[in-house]
Amino acid sequence: MISLLNLTRYYEAGERSVHALDGVSLAIAPNEFVAVVGPSGCGKSTLMHLIAGLDRPTSGEISVDGLRLTTASDADLTNFRRRQLGLVFQFFNLLPTMNVRENVSLPLLLQGVPLAECDARAEELLGLVGLTERAGHFVHQLSGGEQQRTAIARALVHKPSLLIADEPTGNLDTASADRILELLRQIAREQLATLILVTHSPEVAAAASRLIEMRDGKIVRDQVRRKDGRGIAEESR
């Protein structure tokens, strides 16, 4: 469960204060697939950074699975990111000096997991994302779609309960983007993970079961897509 209460994040830009988030309250249930949409500068990436414990709010409360991120120590936040959180970004952030298998297994190595166990888990994830034959290749030998699938495998290697994907299809062609989106949906469903997807694309957002739209640091729309006897309908929260 993710809970945000009256969350604000202000930045100083010269002599003025920029309100990246302005009084955001939100609850996300376990295993939900949520798309966060809005124009550049609306606050959606700031919101994700706060949920991921990569930044702290100016005011308000935020908790994930009972951990209060607003008051947690740096050590607790690091442990939360290593054990409960998977992050996928628009820019793949892979290490060019490591091959695909090593990039995927890196989060487990940082936890002190034995190398053989790390390699076995990495191979399992590479099979899931269709990259088994690319395990020994380096980043420069991969296409953009293959790099993003590697990044997804790395984000999942420690079996996180929360997966945050920030514009994961932004640098991909249409075919690769469709494959990445379907892969994220499949993984979230099979591994019972909560998936939060930040996107500019209405087509990508349409795949989610819940849509949150942001403007000027505020949530302006929160709709859940539900199935009923007549098909798919939307209800506002």
Protein backbone atom coordinates (compact mmCIF):
# COMPACT_ATOMS: atom_id res chain seq x y z
CA MET A 1 0.00 0.00 0.00
CA ILE A 2 1.24 3.46 -0.94
CA SER A 3 -0.16 6.43 0.96
CA LEU A 4 0.50 10.12 0.27
CA LEU A 5 -1.04 12.86 2.40
CA ASN A 6 -0.91 16.54 1.43
CA LEU A 7 2.49 16.10 -0.21
CA THR A 8 4.39 19.20 -1.38
CA ARG A 9 7.78 19.67 -3.02
CA TYR A 10 9.12 23.17 -3.61
CA TYR A 11 12.35 24.14 -5.34
CA GLU A 12 14.12 27.46 -5.24
CA ALA A 13 14.87 28.80 -8.73
CA GLY A 14 16.69 32.09 -8.35
CA GLU A 15 14.37 34.45 -6.51
CA ARG A 16 11.22 32.41 -7.02
CA SER A 17 9.86 29.18 -5.57
CA VAL A 18 8.72 26.44 -7.98
CA HIS A 19 5.88 24.23 -6.71
CA ALA A 20 6.68 20.85 -8.30
CA LEU A 21 4.01 19.20 -6.11
CA ASP A 22 1.26 21.14 -4.40
CA GLY A 23 -0.84 19.28 -1.84
CA VAL A 24 -1.03 15.82 -3.43
CA SER A 25 -2.97 13.12 -1.56
CA LEU A 26 -3.17 9.63 -3.03
CA ALA A 27 -3.57 5.97 -2.09
CA ILE A 28 -2.47 3.07 -4.32
CA ALA A 29 -3.47 -0.47 -3.40
CA PRO A 30 -1.23 -3.53 -3.75
CA ASN A 31 -1.04 -5.00 -7.28
CA GLU A 32 -2.63 -1.97 -8.99
CA PHE A 33 -1.42 -0.93 -12.45
CA VAL A 34 -1.45 2.87 -12.42
CA ALA A 35 -0.53 5.24 -15.26
CA VAL A 36 0.48 8.80 -14.33
CA VAL A 37 0.10 11.26 -17.19
CA GLY A 38 0.47 14.98 -17.80
CA PRO A 39 2.60 17.52 -19.66
CA SER A 40 6.29 18.13 -18.98
CA GLY A 41 6.77 19.97 -15.70
CA CYS A 42 3.45 18.85 -14.20
CA GLY A 43 5.15 17.04 -11.29
CA LYS A 44 4.77 13.41 -12.28
CA SER A 45 8.50 12.57 -12.22
CA THR A 46 8.91 14.43 -8.94
CA LEU A 47 6.08 12.33 -7.54
CA MET A 48 7.81 9.12 -8.63
CA HIS A 49 11.14 10.20 -7.12
CA LEU A 50 9.39 10.77 -3.79
CA ILE A 51 7.62 7.40 -3.87
CA ALA A 52 10.96 5.77 -4.71
CA GLY A 53 12.68 7.45 -1.77
CA LEU A 54 15.10 9.24 -4.10
CA ASP A 55 13.99 12.65 -2.80
CA ARG A 56 12.23 14.00 0.26
CA PRO A 57 9.13 16.23 0.26
CA THR A 58 9.02 19.78 1.53
CA SER A 59 5.99 18.83 3.63
CA GLY A 60 3.38 16.11 3.93
CA GLU A 61 3.52 12.38 4.61
CA ILE A 62 4.42 9.44 2.38
CA SER A 63 4.56 5.77 3.32
CA VAL A 64 5.08 2.54 1.40
CA ASP A 65 4.14 -0.76 3.05
CA GLY A 66 4.19 0.95 6.44
CA LEU A 67 7.61 2.58 6.01
CA ARG A 68 7.34 6.36 6.49
CA LEU A 69 9.68 7.65 3.80
CA THR A 70 9.48 11.21 5.13
CA THR A 71 11.21 10.25 8.38
CA ALA A 72 13.15 7.12 7.36
CA SER A 73 16.93 7.14 7.73
CA ASP A 74 19.16 7.07 4.66
CA ALA A 75 20.04 3.45 5.53
CA ASP A 76 16.36 2.48 5.68
CA LEU A 77 15.70 4.16 2.33
CA THR A 78 18.63 2.35 0.75
CA ASN A 79 17.36 -0.97 2.10
CA PHE A 80 13.84 -0.19 0.82
CA ARG A 81 15.14 0.52 -2.70
CA ARG A 82 17.33 -2.59 -2.75
CA ARG A 83 14.69 -5.01 -1.51
CA GLN A 84 11.22 -3.71 -2.37
CA LEU A 85 11.61 -1.36 -5.33
CA GLY A 86 12.31 -1.88 -9.02
CA LEU A 87 13.07 1.19 -11.17
CA VAL A 88 12.96 1.45 -14.96
CA PHE A 89 13.86 4.74 -16.64
CA GLN A 90 13.65 6.20 -20.13
CA PHE A 91 17.45 6.16 -20.23
CA PHE A 92 18.55 2.64 -19.53
CA ASN A 93 21.42 3.39 -17.08
CA LEU A 94 23.27 0.16 -17.89
CA LEU A 95 26.97 -0.14 -17.12
CA PRO A 96 28.93 -0.40 -20.40
CA THR A 97 31.83 -2.31 -18.83
CA MET A 98 29.52 -5.16 -17.76
CA ASN A 99 27.78 -7.68 -19.98
CA VAL A 100 24.03 -8.22 -19.89
CA ARG A 101 24.11 -10.96 -17.24
CA GLU A 102 26.35 -8.87 -14.97
CA ASN A 103 24.14 -5.78 -15.34
CA VAL A 104 21.06 -7.79 -14.37
CA SER A 105 22.67 -9.49 -11.38
CA LEU A 106 24.27 -6.31 -9.98
CA PRO A 107 21.49 -5.46 -7.45
CA LEU A 108 21.84 -8.93 -5.88
CA LEU A 109 25.62 -8.64 -5.76
CA LEU A 110 25.25 -5.37 -3.85
CA GLN A 111 23.14 -7.27 -1.30
CA GLY A 112 25.89 -9.85 -0.81
CA VAL A 113 24.06 -12.70 -2.54
CA PRO A 114 26.47 -15.49 -3.66
CA LEU A 115 27.62 -15.19 -7.27
CA ALA A 116 26.15 -18.52 -8.38
CA GLU A 117 22.73 -17.53 -7.05
CA CYS A 118 23.01 -14.13 -8.73
CA ASP A 119 23.83 -15.71 -12.08
CA ALA A 120 20.97 -18.21 -11.79
CA ARG A 121 18.43 -15.49 -11.03
CA ALA A 122 19.80 -13.31 -13.85
CA GLU A 123 19.46 -16.18 -16.32
CA GLU A 124 15.88 -16.74 -15.17
CA LEU A 125 14.98 -13.08 -15.80
CA LEU A 126 16.79 -12.96 -19.12
CA GLY A 127 14.70 -15.91 -20.23
CA LEU A 128 11.57 -14.04 -19.17
CA VAL A 129 12.48 -10.95 -21.25
CA GLY A 130 13.74 -13.00 -24.21
CA LEU A 131 17.45 -12.23 -23.92
CA THR A 132 18.99 -15.56 -22.98
CA GLU A 133 21.17 -15.60 -26.09
CA ARG A 134 22.39 -12.06 -25.36
CA ALA A 135 23.58 -12.74 -21.79
CA GLY A 136 27.28 -12.41 -22.66
CA HIS A 137 26.89 -9.33 -24.88
CA PHE A 138 27.81 -5.80 -23.86
CA VAL A 139 25.57 -2.73 -23.94
CA HIS A 140 26.93 -1.36 -27.22
CA GLN A 141 25.98 -4.63 -28.92
CA LEU A 142 22.28 -4.30 -28.05
CA SER A 143 19.41 -2.49 -29.74
CA GLY A 144 17.41 0.10 -27.78
CA GLY A 145 14.63 -2.39 -27.12
CA GLU A 146 17.12 -5.00 -25.92
CA GLN A 147 18.73 -2.47 -23.58
CA GLN A 148 15.35 -1.60 -22.10
CA ARG A 149 14.51 -5.29 -21.62
CA THR A 150 17.85 -5.69 -19.85
CA ALA A 151 16.97 -2.76 -17.59
CA ILE A 152 13.60 -4.35 -16.80
CA ALA A 153 15.27 -7.66 -15.93
CA ARG A 154 17.67 -5.81 -13.63
CA ALA A 155 14.76 -3.99 -11.94
CA LEU A 156 13.06 -7.33 -11.26
CA VAL A 157 16.01 -9.44 -10.19
CA HIS A 158 15.32 -8.98 -6.46
CA LYS A 159 11.56 -9.65 -6.84
CA PRO A 160 10.31 -6.18 -5.85
CA SER A 161 6.76 -5.57 -4.65
CA LEU A 162 6.73 -2.13 -6.33
CA LEU A 163 7.83 -1.42 -9.90
CA ILE A 164 8.12 2.20 -11.09
CA ALA A 165 8.68 2.83 -14.80
CA ASP A 166 9.37 6.46 -15.79
CA GLU A 167 8.80 6.93 -19.56
CA PRO A 168 10.10 3.38 -20.27
CA THR A 169 9.06 3.52 -23.93
CA GLY A 170 10.10 7.11 -24.63
CA ASN A 171 13.26 6.25 -26.61
CA LEU A 172 11.88 3.24 -28.48
CA ASP A 173 10.24 2.64 -31.84
CA THR A 174 6.58 1.64 -31.88
CA ALA A 175 7.15 -2.12 -32.14
CA SER A 176 9.71 -2.14 -29.31
CA ALA A 177 7.51 0.12 -27.17
CA ASP A 178 4.52 -2.21 -27.58
CA ARG A 179 6.66 -5.20 -26.56
CA ILE A 180 8.05 -3.41 -23.49
CA LEU A 181 4.56 -2.35 -22.38
CA GLU A 182 3.18 -5.86 -22.72
CA LEU A 183 6.20 -7.23 -20.86
CA LEU A 184 5.66 -4.84 -17.94
CA ARG A 185 1.97 -5.78 -17.74
CA GLN A 186 2.80 -9.49 -17.82
CA ILE A 187 5.48 -9.23 -15.16
CA ALA A 188 3.38 -7.13 -12.80
CA ARG A 189 0.51 -9.60 -13.13
CA GLU A 190 2.60 -12.74 -12.68
CA GLN A 191 4.80 -11.44 -9.85
CA LEU A 192 1.94 -9.66 -8.04
CA ALA A 193 3.78 -6.34 -8.10
CA THR A 194 2.30 -2.87 -7.99
CA LEU A 195 3.17 -1.10 -11.25
CA ILE A 196 3.30 2.70 -11.58
CA LEU A 197 3.96 3.89 -15.12
CA VAL A 198 4.79 7.52 -15.97
CA THR A 199 4.12 8.39 -19.59
CA HIS A 200 3.28 11.15 -22.07
CA SER A 201 1.60 8.63 -24.37
CA PRO A 202 -2.22 8.19 -24.25
CA GLU A 203 -1.79 4.80 -25.96
CA VAL A 204 0.57 3.59 -23.24
CA ALA A 205 -1.62 4.99 -20.47
CA ALA A 206 -4.67 3.20 -21.89
CA ALA A 207 -3.14 -0.15 -20.89
CA ALA A 208 -3.36 0.70 -17.18
CA SER A 209 -6.29 -0.15 -14.91
CA ARG A 210 -6.13 3.30 -13.29
CA LEU A 211 -5.29 6.71 -14.75
CA ILE A 212 -3.97 9.65 -12.74
CA GLU A 213 -3.61 12.95 -14.59
CA MET A 214 -1.49 15.79 -13.21
CA ARG A 215 -1.34 19.52 -13.95
CA ASP A 216 0.75 22.17 -12.20
CA GLY A 217 1.77 19.89 -9.36
CA LYS A 218 -1.78 18.71 -8.60
CA ILE A 219 -3.88 15.66 -9.43
CA VAL A 220 -6.71 16.83 -11.69
CA ARG A 221 -8.17 13.43 -12.62
CA ASP A 222 -8.14 10.00 -10.99
CA GLN A 223 -10.10 7.33 -12.86
CA VAL A 224 -10.33 3.58 -12.49
CA ARG A 225 -11.13 1.38 -15.45
CA ARG A 226 -13.43 -1.42 -14.34
CA LYS A 227 -15.07 -4.36 -16.04
CA ASP A 228 -18.81 -4.71 -15.93
CA GLY A 229 -21.43 -6.59 -17.88
CA ARG A 230 -21.23 -4.06 -20.71
CA GLY A 231 -17.45 -4.06 -21.04
CA ILE A 232 -14.95 -1.48 -19.78
CA ALA A 233 -16.19 1.61 -17.94
CA GLU A 234 -14.49 4.42 -16.05
CA GLU A 235 -15.29 5.69 -12.58
CA SER A 236 -13.75 8.77 -10.98
CA ARG A 237 -12.22 8.72 -7.53
